[in-house]
Amino acid sequence: MAEKSISIKQFYLETRDRLNLRLMNGESGFFRQIVNLDIHRPGLALAGFLELFTYDRIQLLGNTEIRYLKSISSERRSEAIEKLFAYDIPCIIVTSDNPVPAELLKIAIRRYICVFATDMTTTKVTHQLTTYLDSKFAPQVAVHGSLVDVYGIGLLITGRSGIGKSEVSLDLVERGHRLVADDMVIMARKGEDLLMGEGREISDHHIEVRGLGLIDVRRMFGIRGVRIHKRVEVEVHLVDWDPKAHYERTGLEDQTAVYLDVEIPKILLPINPGKNITVIAEIIALNQILKIYGHHTAKEFNRRLIERMKMQEKSHLARLKLSDFLEKDFE
């Protein structure tokens, strides 16, 4: 069972246009909660097999379920629906413009369970519901940082407070990239290995620059400077320069960050005077694109270096063999 829940009222208001939903029996069931992101078709439950009935999900009645109810007598139909509605069902959706049985509506009104109808097929409704519920029930985490779309790569810029995350983000936007969120990034896991990031509604594409105040990026740079959400693909962690610290110089030792059990590449980027962090951020994004296409610069350079060393070793052995031959040549 999911930790989150969605009221039927919220569900109806947010999906009625997407699913072409029609409320068939009033709002008395709006108080009920959806607590499970999965969907169920109660064909076996209507037939009387209730041992494995997953009642805590949205119940879809498609062509098969409606035709079955039509095939039995009104008395048996009422009995089957009564058994179904004895459970704490969130709501019922009848698909494919099927007529809603009168017995179903009568009992649903008495049990305070909303019944919706739609002209969409069961397959399409299932797809749309899955997308919606996955988004609503996705695990989330709030991260202090900025998220910018740089050349199509979502860069999560993190670091201590005051290190310059917002300034780097603003500079990237000025160079033609797109701001997703500043100060606080809300990340949600979609599927097994996909992190989507967006900002808080209250901040709405504003950037805070110390000494200047709040900047409205969308109004200042236009729609081309912002986007609503973006996949988080690389973390750029800004740190203060420490001459005694060891920083990666070749790129062979890939570092990673983990959020919501999803692993993403992490770049530790030291800050010192005169360093152009914005340009480096662009290079990080372009380098990530190369990796996506199968080109890992550091590994390719290392491979060529090893091959060159092997060739030099073979050449050295060949010279040794030639020297040995000439020493024994007395002609």
C-alpha atoms as a PDB file:
ATOM      1  CA  MET A   1       0.000   0.000   0.000  1.00  0.00           C
ATOM      2  CA  ALA A   2       1.307   3.407  -0.969  1.00  0.00           C
ATOM      3  CA  GLU A   3       2.062   6.025   1.640  1.00  0.00           C
ATOM      4  CA  LYS A   4       0.388   8.740  -0.437  1.00  0.00           C
ATOM      5  CA  SER A   5      -3.276   9.067  -1.278  1.00  0.00           C
ATOM      6  CA  ILE A   6      -5.435  11.019  -3.723  1.00  0.00           C
ATOM      7  CA  SER A   7      -9.039  11.928  -3.065  1.00  0.00           C
ATOM      8  CA  ILE A   8     -11.619  10.956  -5.666  1.00  0.00           C
ATOM      9  CA  LYS A   9     -12.485  14.639  -6.008  1.00  0.00           C
ATOM     10  CA  GLN A  10      -8.884  15.527  -6.867  1.00  0.00           C
ATOM     11  CA  PHE A  11      -8.645  12.551  -9.211  1.00  0.00           C
ATOM     12  CA  TYR A  12     -11.820  13.569 -11.057  1.00  0.00           C
ATOM     13  CA  LEU A  13     -10.841  17.235 -11.400  1.00  0.00           C
ATOM     14  CA  GLU A  14      -7.368  16.378 -12.697  1.00  0.00           C
ATOM     15  CA  THR A  15      -8.338  13.589 -15.125  1.00  0.00           C
ATOM     16  CA  ARG A  16     -11.848  14.316 -16.383  1.00  0.00           C
ATOM     17  CA  ASP A  17     -10.577  16.033 -19.539  1.00  0.00           C
ATOM     18  CA  ARG A  18      -7.753  13.580 -20.107  1.00  0.00           C
ATOM     19  CA  LEU A  19     -10.050  10.555 -19.721  1.00  0.00           C
ATOM     20  CA  ASN A  20     -13.320  12.135 -20.922  1.00  0.00           C
ATOM     21  CA  LEU A  21     -14.880  11.156 -17.605  1.00  0.00           C
ATOM     22  CA  ARG A  22     -18.569  11.621 -16.860  1.00  0.00           C
ATOM     23  CA  LEU A  23     -19.734  11.394 -13.252  1.00  0.00           C
ATOM     24  CA  MET A  24     -22.793   9.157 -13.242  1.00  0.00           C
ATOM     25  CA  ASN A  25     -24.038   9.288  -9.636  1.00  0.00           C
ATOM     26  CA  GLY A  26     -23.165  12.572  -7.895  1.00  0.00           C
ATOM     27  CA  GLU A  27     -20.353  13.671  -5.603  1.00  0.00           C
ATOM     28  CA  SER A  28     -21.185  11.653  -2.473  1.00  0.00           C
ATOM     29  CA  GLY A  29     -18.130   9.437  -2.997  1.00  0.00           C
ATOM     30  CA  PHE A  30     -15.650  12.292  -3.444  1.00  0.00           C
ATOM     31  CA  PHE A  31     -14.324  11.773   0.085  1.00  0.00           C
ATOM     32  CA  ARG A  32     -12.879   8.333  -0.756  1.00  0.00           C
ATOM     33  CA  GLN A  33      -9.129   7.956  -1.268  1.00  0.00           C
ATOM     34  CA  ILE A  34      -7.011   6.246  -3.921  1.00  0.00           C
ATOM     35  CA  VAL A  35      -4.118   4.637  -2.038  1.00  0.00           C
ATOM     36  CA  ASN A  36      -2.741   2.270  -4.677  1.00  0.00           C
ATOM     37  CA  LEU A  37      -1.225   3.198  -8.035  1.00  0.00           C
ATOM     38  CA  ASP A  38      -2.262  -0.091  -9.651  1.00  0.00           C
ATOM     39  CA  ILE A  39      -5.521  -0.670 -11.541  1.00  0.00           C
ATOM     40  CA  HIS A  40      -7.838  -3.674 -11.382  1.00  0.00           C
ATOM     41  CA  ARG A  41     -10.451  -5.278 -13.638  1.00  0.00           C
ATOM     42  CA  PRO A  42     -12.865  -7.158 -11.344  1.00  0.00           C
ATOM     43  CA  GLY A  43     -14.066  -9.809 -13.774  1.00  0.00           C
ATOM     44  CA  LEU A  44     -13.378 -12.740 -11.444  1.00  0.00           C
ATOM     45  CA  ALA A  45     -14.758 -10.818  -8.473  1.00  0.00           C
ATOM     46  CA  LEU A  46     -18.058 -10.251 -10.307  1.00  0.00           C
ATOM     47  CA  ALA A  47     -18.151 -13.965 -11.089  1.00  0.00           C
ATOM     48  CA  GLY A  48     -17.880 -14.709  -7.364  1.00  0.00           C
ATOM     49  CA  PHE A  49     -14.159 -15.380  -6.848  1.00  0.00           C
ATOM     50  CA  LEU A  50     -13.175 -12.834  -4.182  1.00  0.00           C
ATOM     51  CA  GLU A  51     -10.214 -14.499  -2.466  1.00  0.00           C
ATOM     52  CA  LEU A  52      -7.645 -12.432  -4.406  1.00  0.00           C
ATOM     53  CA  PHE A  53      -9.798  -9.365  -5.034  1.00  0.00           C
ATOM     54  CA  THR A  54      -7.558  -6.269  -4.899  1.00  0.00           C
ATOM     55  CA  TYR A  55     -10.337  -3.880  -3.921  1.00  0.00           C
ATOM     56  CA  ASP A  56      -8.137  -0.914  -2.912  1.00  0.00           C
ATOM     57  CA  ARG A  57      -7.537   0.072  -6.547  1.00  0.00           C
ATOM     58  CA  ILE A  58      -9.511   1.883  -9.226  1.00  0.00           C
ATOM     59  CA  GLN A  59     -11.834  -0.732 -10.758  1.00  0.00           C
ATOM     60  CA  LEU A  60     -12.251  -0.760 -14.550  1.00  0.00           C
ATOM     61  CA  LEU A  61     -15.326  -2.314 -16.133  1.00  0.00           C
ATOM     62  CA  GLY A  62     -14.704  -2.893 -19.816  1.00  0.00           C
ATOM     63  CA  ASN A  63     -16.512  -4.791 -22.545  1.00  0.00           C
ATOM     64  CA  THR A  64     -15.937  -8.182 -20.890  1.00  0.00           C
ATOM     65  CA  GLU A  65     -17.290  -7.178 -17.460  1.00  0.00           C
ATOM     66  CA  ILE A  66     -20.329  -5.326 -18.834  1.00  0.00           C
ATOM     67  CA  ARG A  67     -21.252  -8.144 -21.209  1.00  0.00           C
ATOM     68  CA  TYR A  68     -20.991 -10.626 -18.371  1.00  0.00           C
ATOM     69  CA  LEU A  69     -23.340  -8.532 -16.217  1.00  0.00           C
ATOM     70  CA  LYS A  70     -25.765  -8.276 -19.135  1.00  0.00           C
ATOM     71  CA  SER A  71     -25.717 -12.051 -19.587  1.00  0.00           C
ATOM     72  CA  ILE A  72     -27.054 -12.801 -16.102  1.00  0.00           C
ATOM     73  CA  SER A  73     -30.424 -12.033 -14.541  1.00  0.00           C
ATOM     74  CA  SER A  74     -31.144  -8.799 -12.724  1.00  0.00           C
ATOM     75  CA  GLU A  75     -31.245 -10.633  -9.402  1.00  0.00           C
ATOM     76  CA  ARG A  76     -27.849 -12.274  -9.950  1.00  0.00           C
ATOM     77  CA  ARG A  77     -26.476  -8.994 -11.241  1.00  0.00           C
ATOM     78  CA  SER A  78     -27.511  -7.174  -8.071  1.00  0.00           C
ATOM     79  CA  GLU A  79     -26.066  -9.959  -5.942  1.00  0.00           C
ATOM     80  CA  ALA A  80     -22.711  -9.858  -7.769  1.00  0.00           C
ATOM     81  CA  ILE A  81     -22.494  -6.057  -7.473  1.00  0.00           C
ATOM     82  CA  GLU A  82     -23.462  -6.131  -3.790  1.00  0.00           C
ATOM     83  CA  LYS A  83     -20.614  -8.550  -3.071  1.00  0.00           C
ATOM     84  CA  LEU A  84     -18.221  -6.324  -5.019  1.00  0.00           C
ATOM     85  CA  PHE A  85     -19.315  -3.154  -3.225  1.00  0.00           C
ATOM     86  CA  ALA A  86     -19.061  -4.756   0.189  1.00  0.00           C
ATOM     87  CA  TYR A  87     -15.364  -3.884  -0.117  1.00  0.00           C
ATOM     88  CA  ASP A  88     -13.892  -0.388   0.297  1.00  0.00           C
ATOM     89  CA  ILE A  89     -13.545   0.391  -3.415  1.00  0.00           C
ATOM     90  CA  PRO A  90     -12.232   3.862  -4.358  1.00  0.00           C
ATOM     91  CA  CYS A  91     -14.304   4.237  -7.537  1.00  0.00           C
ATOM     92  CA  ILE A  92     -15.581   2.497 -10.682  1.00  0.00           C
ATOM     93  CA  ILE A  93     -14.817   3.498 -14.284  1.00  0.00           C
ATOM     94  CA  VAL A  94     -16.962   2.038 -17.082  1.00  0.00           C
ATOM     95  CA  THR A  95     -15.089   2.246 -20.390  1.00  0.00           C
ATOM     96  CA  SER A  96     -15.868   2.150 -24.141  1.00  0.00           C
ATOM     97  CA  ASP A  97     -19.155   4.023 -23.747  1.00  0.00           C
ATOM     98  CA  ASN A  98     -20.755   0.911 -22.299  1.00  0.00           C
ATOM     99  CA  PRO A  99     -24.160   1.494 -20.658  1.00  0.00           C
ATOM    100  CA  VAL A 100     -23.889   1.537 -16.880  1.00  0.00           C
ATOM    101  CA  PRO A 101     -26.217  -1.107 -15.371  1.00  0.00           C
ATOM    102  CA  ALA A 102     -29.005   0.420 -13.301  1.00  0.00           C
ATOM    103  CA  GLU A 103     -28.242  -1.998 -10.442  1.00  0.00           C
ATOM    104  CA  LEU A 104     -24.650  -0.763 -10.383  1.00  0.00           C
ATOM    105  CA  LEU A 105     -25.687   2.885 -10.051  1.00  0.00           C
ATOM    106  CA  LYS A 106     -28.324   2.121  -7.407  1.00  0.00           C
ATOM    107  CA  ILE A 107     -25.954   0.199  -5.159  1.00  0.00           C
ATOM    108  CA  ALA A 108     -23.075   2.660  -5.772  1.00  0.00           C
ATOM    109  CA  ILE A 109     -25.248   5.558  -4.579  1.00  0.00           C
ATOM    110  CA  ARG A 110     -26.152   3.654  -1.437  1.00  0.00           C
ATOM    111  CA  ARG A 111     -22.492   2.741  -0.774  1.00  0.00           C
ATOM    112  CA  TYR A 112     -21.163   6.248  -1.554  1.00  0.00           C
ATOM    113  CA  ILE A 113     -18.926   5.020  -4.367  1.00  0.00           C
ATOM    114  CA  CYS A 114     -18.440   7.199  -7.450  1.00  0.00           C
ATOM    115  CA  VAL A 115     -19.133   5.669 -10.840  1.00  0.00           C
ATOM    116  CA  PHE A 116     -17.544   7.281 -13.894  1.00  0.00           C
ATOM    117  CA  ALA A 117     -18.118   6.550 -17.575  1.00  0.00           C
ATOM    118  CA  THR A 118     -15.920   7.284 -20.585  1.00  0.00           C
ATOM    119  CA  ASP A 119     -15.991   6.685 -24.331  1.00  0.00           C
ATOM    120  CA  MET A 120     -12.306   5.719 -24.312  1.00  0.00           C
ATOM    121  CA  THR A 121     -11.292   2.078 -24.653  1.00  0.00           C
ATOM    122  CA  THR A 122     -10.057   0.119 -21.659  1.00  0.00           C
ATOM    123  CA  THR A 123      -6.554  -0.021 -23.125  1.00  0.00           C
ATOM    124  CA  LYS A 124      -6.337   3.767 -23.544  1.00  0.00           C
ATOM    125  CA  VAL A 125      -7.836   4.411 -20.114  1.00  0.00           C
ATOM    126  CA  THR A 126      -5.350   1.998 -18.552  1.00  0.00           C
ATOM    127  CA  HIS A 127      -2.439   3.739 -20.278  1.00  0.00           C
ATOM    128  CA  GLN A 128      -3.580   7.222 -19.240  1.00  0.00           C
ATOM    129  CA  LEU A 129      -4.361   6.125 -15.674  1.00  0.00           C
ATOM    130  CA  THR A 130      -0.990   4.430 -15.301  1.00  0.00           C
ATOM    131  CA  THR A 131       0.826   7.576 -16.440  1.00  0.00           C
ATOM    132  CA  TYR A 132      -1.199   9.762 -14.089  1.00  0.00           C
ATOM    133  CA  LEU A 133      -0.934   7.500 -11.035  1.00  0.00           C
ATOM    134  CA  ASP A 134       2.782   6.844 -11.583  1.00  0.00           C
ATOM    135  CA  SER A 135       3.320  10.581 -11.487  1.00  0.00           C
ATOM    136  CA  LYS A 136       1.194  11.074  -8.367  1.00  0.00           C
ATOM    137  CA  PHE A 137       2.649   8.180  -6.380  1.00  0.00           C
ATOM    138  CA  ALA A 138       6.267   8.523  -7.509  1.00  0.00           C
ATOM    139  CA  PRO A 139       8.781   8.696  -4.609  1.00  0.00           C
ATOM    140  CA  GLN A 140      10.092  12.236  -4.181  1.00  0.00           C
ATOM    141  CA  VAL A 141      13.001  14.010  -2.543  1.00  0.00           C
ATOM    142  CA  ALA A 142      13.821  17.718  -2.204  1.00  0.00           C
ATOM    143  CA  VAL A 143      17.433  18.685  -2.977  1.00  0.00           C
ATOM    144  CA  HIS A 144      19.051  22.052  -2.273  1.00  0.00           C
ATOM    145  CA  GLY A 145      20.445  23.117  -5.623  1.00  0.00           C
ATOM    146  CA  SER A 146      19.595  24.270  -9.139  1.00  0.00           C
ATOM    147  CA  LEU A 147      18.502  22.310 -12.199  1.00  0.00           C
ATOM    148  CA  VAL A 148      19.310  23.589 -15.682  1.00  0.00           C
ATOM    149  CA  ASP A 149      18.738  22.036 -19.102  1.00  0.00           C
ATOM    150  CA  VAL A 150      22.101  22.394 -20.853  1.00  0.00           C
ATOM    151  CA  TYR A 151      22.156  21.106 -24.449  1.00  0.00           C
ATOM    152  CA  GLY A 152      19.350  18.714 -23.506  1.00  0.00           C
ATOM    153  CA  ILE A 153      21.173  17.333 -20.450  1.00  0.00           C
ATOM    154  CA  GLY A 154      19.675  17.988 -17.037  1.00  0.00           C
ATOM    155  CA  LEU A 155      22.482  19.342 -14.841  1.00  0.00           C
ATOM    156  CA  LEU A 156      21.792  19.315 -11.109  1.00  0.00           C
ATOM    157  CA  ILE A 157      24.083  21.974  -9.625  1.00  0.00           C
ATOM    158  CA  THR A 158      24.712  21.453  -5.901  1.00  0.00           C
ATOM    159  CA  GLY A 159      27.093  22.804  -3.273  1.00  0.00           C
ATOM    160  CA  ARG A 160      27.185  24.711  -0.017  1.00  0.00           C
ATOM    161  CA  SER A 161      24.987  27.750   0.490  1.00  0.00           C
ATOM    162  CA  GLY A 162      26.492  30.846  -1.112  1.00  0.00           C
ATOM    163  CA  ILE A 163      29.020  29.037  -3.309  1.00  0.00           C
ATOM    164  CA  GLY A 164      27.461  30.381  -6.516  1.00  0.00           C
ATOM    165  CA  LYS A 165      24.909  27.814  -7.751  1.00  0.00           C
ATOM    166  CA  SER A 166      22.320  30.440  -8.670  1.00  0.00           C
ATOM    167  CA  GLU A 167      24.889  32.661 -10.400  1.00  0.00           C
ATOM    168  CA  VAL A 168      26.077  29.731 -12.543  1.00  0.00           C
ATOM    169  CA  SER A 169      22.459  28.881 -13.398  1.00  0.00           C
ATOM    170  CA  LEU A 170      21.724  32.510 -14.355  1.00  0.00           C
ATOM    171  CA  ASP A 171      24.836  32.639 -16.524  1.00  0.00           C
ATOM    172  CA  LEU A 172      23.772  29.414 -18.270  1.00  0.00           C
ATOM    173  CA  VAL A 173      20.332  30.859 -18.996  1.00  0.00           C
ATOM    174  CA  GLU A 174      21.949  34.025 -20.393  1.00  0.00           C
ATOM    175  CA  ARG A 175      23.953  31.775 -22.731  1.00  0.00           C
ATOM    176  CA  GLY A 176      20.757  30.223 -24.114  1.00  0.00           C
ATOM    177  CA  HIS A 177      20.089  27.296 -21.773  1.00  0.00           C
ATOM    178  CA  ARG A 178      16.898  26.691 -19.795  1.00  0.00           C
ATOM    179  CA  LEU A 179      16.217  26.963 -16.085  1.00  0.00           C
ATOM    180  CA  VAL A 180      14.070  24.285 -14.469  1.00  0.00           C
ATOM    181  CA  ALA A 181      14.460  25.142 -10.771  1.00  0.00           C
ATOM    182  CA  ASP A 182      16.617  27.189  -8.442  1.00  0.00           C
ATOM    183  CA  ASP A 183      17.284  26.851  -4.709  1.00  0.00           C
ATOM    184  CA  MET A 184      15.121  23.742  -4.286  1.00  0.00           C
ATOM    185  CA  VAL A 185      14.736  20.903  -6.781  1.00  0.00           C
ATOM    186  CA  ILE A 186      11.926  18.387  -6.278  1.00  0.00           C
ATOM    187  CA  MET A 187      13.032  15.067  -7.757  1.00  0.00           C
ATOM    188  CA  ALA A 188      10.703  12.151  -8.407  1.00  0.00           C
ATOM    189  CA  ARG A 189      11.633   8.636  -9.484  1.00  0.00           C
ATOM    190  CA  LYS A 190       9.724   7.528 -12.556  1.00  0.00           C
ATOM    191  CA  GLY A 191      10.108   3.851 -13.323  1.00  0.00           C
ATOM    192  CA  GLU A 192      13.242   2.059 -12.191  1.00  0.00           C
ATOM    193  CA  ASP A 193      16.026   4.434 -13.211  1.00  0.00           C
ATOM    194  CA  LEU A 194      14.529   7.758 -14.243  1.00  0.00           C
ATOM    195  CA  LEU A 195      14.761  10.902 -12.124  1.00  0.00           C
ATOM    196  CA  MET A 196      12.568  13.864 -13.063  1.00  0.00           C
ATOM    197  CA  GLY A 197      13.183  17.245 -11.484  1.00  0.00           C
ATOM    198  CA  GLU A 198      11.038  20.343 -11.158  1.00  0.00           C
ATOM    199  CA  GLY A 199      10.811  23.412  -8.964  1.00  0.00           C
ATOM    200  CA  ARG A 200       8.445  24.423  -6.218  1.00  0.00           C
ATOM    201  CA  GLU A 201       5.296  26.101  -7.450  1.00  0.00           C
ATOM    202  CA  ILE A 202       5.859  29.103  -5.193  1.00  0.00           C
ATOM    203  CA  SER A 203       9.311  29.895  -6.656  1.00  0.00           C
ATOM    204  CA  ASP A 204       8.137  29.469 -10.283  1.00  0.00           C
ATOM    205  CA  HIS A 205      11.401  30.072 -12.195  1.00  0.00           C
ATOM    206  CA  HIS A 206      12.794  32.752  -9.911  1.00  0.00           C
ATOM    207  CA  ILE A 207      16.503  32.971  -9.104  1.00  0.00           C
ATOM    208  CA  GLU A 208      17.862  34.582  -5.954  1.00  0.00           C
ATOM    209  CA  VAL A 209      21.142  36.440  -6.504  1.00  0.00           C
ATOM    210  CA  ARG A 210      22.823  37.655  -3.330  1.00  0.00           C
ATOM    211  CA  GLY A 211      23.180  41.431  -3.352  1.00  0.00           C
ATOM    212  CA  LEU A 212      20.590  41.814  -6.115  1.00  0.00           C
ATOM    213  CA  GLY A 213      17.540  39.876  -4.960  1.00  0.00           C
ATOM    214  CA  LEU A 214      14.991  37.833  -6.893  1.00  0.00           C
ATOM    215  CA  ILE A 215      15.147  37.557 -10.669  1.00  0.00           C
ATOM    216  CA  ASP A 216      12.062  36.502 -12.672  1.00  0.00           C
ATOM    217  CA  VAL A 217      13.781  34.403 -15.338  1.00  0.00           C
ATOM    218  CA  ARG A 218      10.653  33.667 -17.367  1.00  0.00           C
ATOM    219  CA  ARG A 219       9.703  37.340 -17.748  1.00  0.00           C
ATOM    220  CA  MET A 220      13.266  38.521 -18.248  1.00  0.00           C
ATOM    221  CA  PHE A 221      14.447  35.903 -20.761  1.00  0.00           C
ATOM    222  CA  GLY A 222      11.121  34.726 -22.147  1.00  0.00           C
ATOM    223  CA  ILE A 223       9.731  31.225 -22.539  1.00  0.00           C
ATOM    224  CA  ARG A 224      12.931  30.052 -24.198  1.00  0.00           C
ATOM    225  CA  GLY A 225      14.776  30.448 -20.875  1.00  0.00           C
ATOM    226  CA  VAL A 226      12.671  28.067 -18.782  1.00  0.00           C
ATOM    227  CA  ARG A 227      11.059  24.660 -18.773  1.00  0.00           C
ATOM    228  CA  ILE A 228       8.641  22.968 -16.358  1.00  0.00           C
ATOM    229  CA  HIS A 229      10.558  19.767 -15.647  1.00  0.00           C
ATOM    230  CA  LYS A 230      13.599  17.869 -16.880  1.00  0.00           C
ATOM    231  CA  ARG A 231      15.274  14.541 -16.398  1.00  0.00           C
ATOM    232  CA  VAL A 232      18.149  14.798 -13.903  1.00  0.00           C
ATOM    233  CA  GLU A 233      21.166  13.228 -15.628  1.00  0.00           C
ATOM    234  CA  VAL A 234      24.366  14.628 -14.064  1.00  0.00           C
ATOM    235  CA  GLU A 235      25.144  16.230 -10.713  1.00  0.00           C
ATOM    236  CA  VAL A 236      27.729  19.028 -10.734  1.00  0.00           C
ATOM    237  CA  HIS A 237      28.832  19.501  -7.132  1.00  0.00           C
ATOM    238  CA  LEU A 238      30.642  22.799  -6.538  1.00  0.00           C
ATOM    239  CA  VAL A 239      33.264  22.823  -3.783  1.00  0.00           C
ATOM    240  CA  ASP A 240      35.764  25.367  -2.519  1.00  0.00           C
ATOM    241  CA  TRP A 241      39.252  24.906  -3.918  1.00  0.00           C
ATOM    242  CA  ASP A 242      41.570  23.081  -1.532  1.00  0.00           C
ATOM    243  CA  PRO A 243      45.213  22.853  -2.704  1.00  0.00           C
ATOM    244  CA  LYS A 244      45.743  19.813  -0.466  1.00  0.00           C
ATOM    245  CA  ALA A 245      42.749  17.898  -1.828  1.00  0.00           C
ATOM    246  CA  HIS A 246      42.890  15.332  -4.633  1.00  0.00           C
ATOM    247  CA  TYR A 247      40.661  16.054  -7.635  1.00  0.00           C
ATOM    248  CA  GLU A 248      40.001  13.794 -10.598  1.00  0.00           C
ATOM    249  CA  ARG A 249      42.219  14.787 -13.518  1.00  0.00           C
ATOM    250  CA  THR A 250      41.770  12.069 -16.120  1.00  0.00           C
ATOM    251  CA  GLY A 251      38.071  11.208 -15.820  1.00  0.00           C
ATOM    252  CA  LEU A 252      38.753   7.467 -15.540  1.00  0.00           C
ATOM    253  CA  GLU A 253      37.369   7.230 -12.025  1.00  0.00           C
ATOM    254  CA  ASP A 254      33.666   7.846 -12.513  1.00  0.00           C
ATOM    255  CA  GLN A 255      31.904   9.144  -9.411  1.00  0.00           C
ATOM    256  CA  THR A 256      28.184   8.735  -8.858  1.00  0.00           C
ATOM    257  CA  ALA A 257      25.407  10.177  -6.707  1.00  0.00           C
ATOM    258  CA  VAL A 258      22.338   8.230  -5.617  1.00  0.00           C
ATOM    259  CA  TYR A 259      18.871   9.729  -5.227  1.00  0.00           C
ATOM    260  CA  LEU A 260      15.816   7.567  -4.567  1.00  0.00           C
ATOM    261  CA  ASP A 261      17.933   4.490  -5.406  1.00  0.00           C
ATOM    262  CA  VAL A 262      18.743   5.915  -8.854  1.00  0.00           C
ATOM    263  CA  GLU A 263      22.430   6.361  -9.668  1.00  0.00           C
ATOM    264  CA  ILE A 264      23.610   9.315 -11.775  1.00  0.00           C
ATOM    265  CA  PRO A 265      27.116  10.579 -12.685  1.00  0.00           C
ATOM    266  CA  LYS A 266      28.595  13.130 -10.292  1.00  0.00           C
ATOM    267  CA  ILE A 267      31.283  15.692 -11.086  1.00  0.00           C
ATOM    268  CA  LEU A 268      33.186  17.279  -8.198  1.00  0.00           C
ATOM    269  CA  LEU A 269      34.088  20.746  -9.454  1.00  0.00           C
ATOM    270  CA  PRO A 270      36.461  22.902  -7.351  1.00  0.00           C
ATOM    271  CA  ILE A 271      35.921  26.685  -7.450  1.00  0.00           C
ATOM    272  CA  ASN A 272      38.820  29.135  -7.568  1.00  0.00           C
ATOM    273  CA  PRO A 273      39.211  32.723  -8.872  1.00  0.00           C
ATOM    274  CA  GLY A 274      39.214  33.035 -12.651  1.00  0.00           C
ATOM    275  CA  LYS A 275      37.667  29.648 -13.319  1.00  0.00           C
ATOM    276  CA  ASN A 276      34.853  29.793 -15.898  1.00  0.00           C
ATOM    277  CA  ILE A 277      32.343  27.454 -14.283  1.00  0.00           C
ATOM    278  CA  THR A 278      29.655  28.163 -16.876  1.00  0.00           C
ATOM    279  CA  VAL A 279      31.789  27.001 -19.799  1.00  0.00           C
ATOM    280  CA  ILE A 280      32.893  23.938 -17.825  1.00  0.00           C
ATOM    281  CA  ALA A 281      29.226  23.145 -17.109  1.00  0.00           C
ATOM    282  CA  GLU A 282      28.534  23.255 -20.852  1.00  0.00           C
ATOM    283  CA  ILE A 283      31.488  20.928 -21.471  1.00  0.00           C
ATOM    284  CA  ILE A 284      30.180  18.531 -18.816  1.00  0.00           C
ATOM    285  CA  ALA A 285      26.838  18.397 -20.636  1.00  0.00           C
ATOM    286  CA  LEU A 286      28.469  17.860 -24.038  1.00  0.00           C
ATOM    287  CA  ASN A 287      30.755  15.192 -22.592  1.00  0.00           C
ATOM    288  CA  GLN A 288      27.721  13.409 -21.161  1.00  0.00           C
ATOM    289  CA  ILE A 289      26.117  13.426 -24.612  1.00  0.00           C
ATOM    290  CA  LEU A 290      29.289  11.823 -26.006  1.00  0.00           C
ATOM    291  CA  LYS A 291      29.068   9.119 -23.331  1.00  0.00           C
ATOM    292  CA  ILE A 292      25.421   8.477 -24.205  1.00  0.00           C
ATOM    293  CA  TYR A 293      26.556   7.890 -27.796  1.00  0.00           C
ATOM    294  CA  GLY A 294      29.250   5.505 -26.580  1.00  0.00           C
ATOM    295  CA  HIS A 295      32.290   7.788 -26.621  1.00  0.00           C
ATOM    296  CA  HIS A 296      34.115   7.942 -23.286  1.00  0.00           C
ATOM    297  CA  THR A 297      37.054  10.299 -23.899  1.00  0.00           C
ATOM    298  CA  ALA A 298      39.137   9.287 -20.879  1.00  0.00           C
ATOM    299  CA  LYS A 299      38.724   5.559 -21.500  1.00  0.00           C
ATOM    300  CA  GLU A 300      39.476   5.921 -25.219  1.00  0.00           C
ATOM    301  CA  PHE A 301      42.623   7.923 -24.468  1.00  0.00           C
ATOM    302  CA  ASN A 302      43.686   5.335 -21.894  1.00  0.00           C
ATOM    303  CA  ARG A 303      43.100   2.528 -24.407  1.00  0.00           C
ATOM    304  CA  ARG A 304      45.218   4.289 -27.056  1.00  0.00           C
ATOM    305  CA  LEU A 305      47.945   4.915 -24.485  1.00  0.00           C
ATOM    306  CA  ILE A 306      48.051   1.238 -23.516  1.00  0.00           C
ATOM    307  CA  GLU A 307      48.158   0.210 -27.198  1.00  0.00           C
ATOM    308  CA  ARG A 308      51.023   2.628 -27.833  1.00  0.00           C
ATOM    309  CA  MET A 309      52.952   1.225 -24.860  1.00  0.00           C
ATOM    310  CA  LYS A 310      52.443  -2.307 -26.168  1.00  0.00           C
ATOM    311  CA  MET A 311      53.679  -1.265 -29.606  1.00  0.00           C
ATOM    312  CA  GLN A 312      56.748   0.364 -28.088  1.00  0.00           C
ATOM    313  CA  GLU A 313      57.419  -2.785 -26.063  1.00  0.00           C
ATOM    314  CA  LYS A 314      57.205  -4.940 -29.198  1.00  0.00           C
ATOM    315  CA  SER A 315      59.514  -2.540 -31.057  1.00  0.00           C
ATOM    316  CA  HIS A 316      62.019  -2.705 -28.210  1.00  0.00           C
ATOM    317  CA  LEU A 317      61.964  -6.520 -28.241  1.00  0.00           C
ATOM    318  CA  ALA A 318      62.481  -6.527 -31.993  1.00  0.00           C
ATOM    319  CA  ARG A 319      65.538  -4.281 -31.616  1.00  0.00           C
ATOM    320  CA  LEU A 320      66.954  -6.598 -28.944  1.00  0.00           C
ATOM    321  CA  LYS A 321      66.547  -9.628 -31.230  1.00  0.00           C
ATOM    322  CA  LEU A 322      68.228  -7.796 -34.108  1.00  0.00           C
ATOM    323  CA  SER A 323      71.150  -6.763 -31.874  1.00  0.00           C
ATOM    324  CA  ASP A 324      71.580 -10.357 -30.684  1.00  0.00           C
ATOM    325  CA  PHE A 325      71.638 -11.619 -34.297  1.00  0.00           C
ATOM    326  CA  LEU A 326      74.247  -9.079 -35.410  1.00  0.00           C
ATOM    327  CA  GLU A 327      76.558  -9.907 -32.491  1.00  0.00           C
ATOM    328  CA  LYS A 328      76.641 -13.555 -33.654  1.00  0.00           C
ATOM    329  CA  ASP A 329      77.199 -12.696 -37.318  1.00  0.00           C
ATOM    330  CA  PHE A 330      80.938 -13.324 -38.060  1.00  0.00           C
ATOM    331  CA  GLU A 331      80.820 -13.182 -41.861  1.00  0.00           C
END
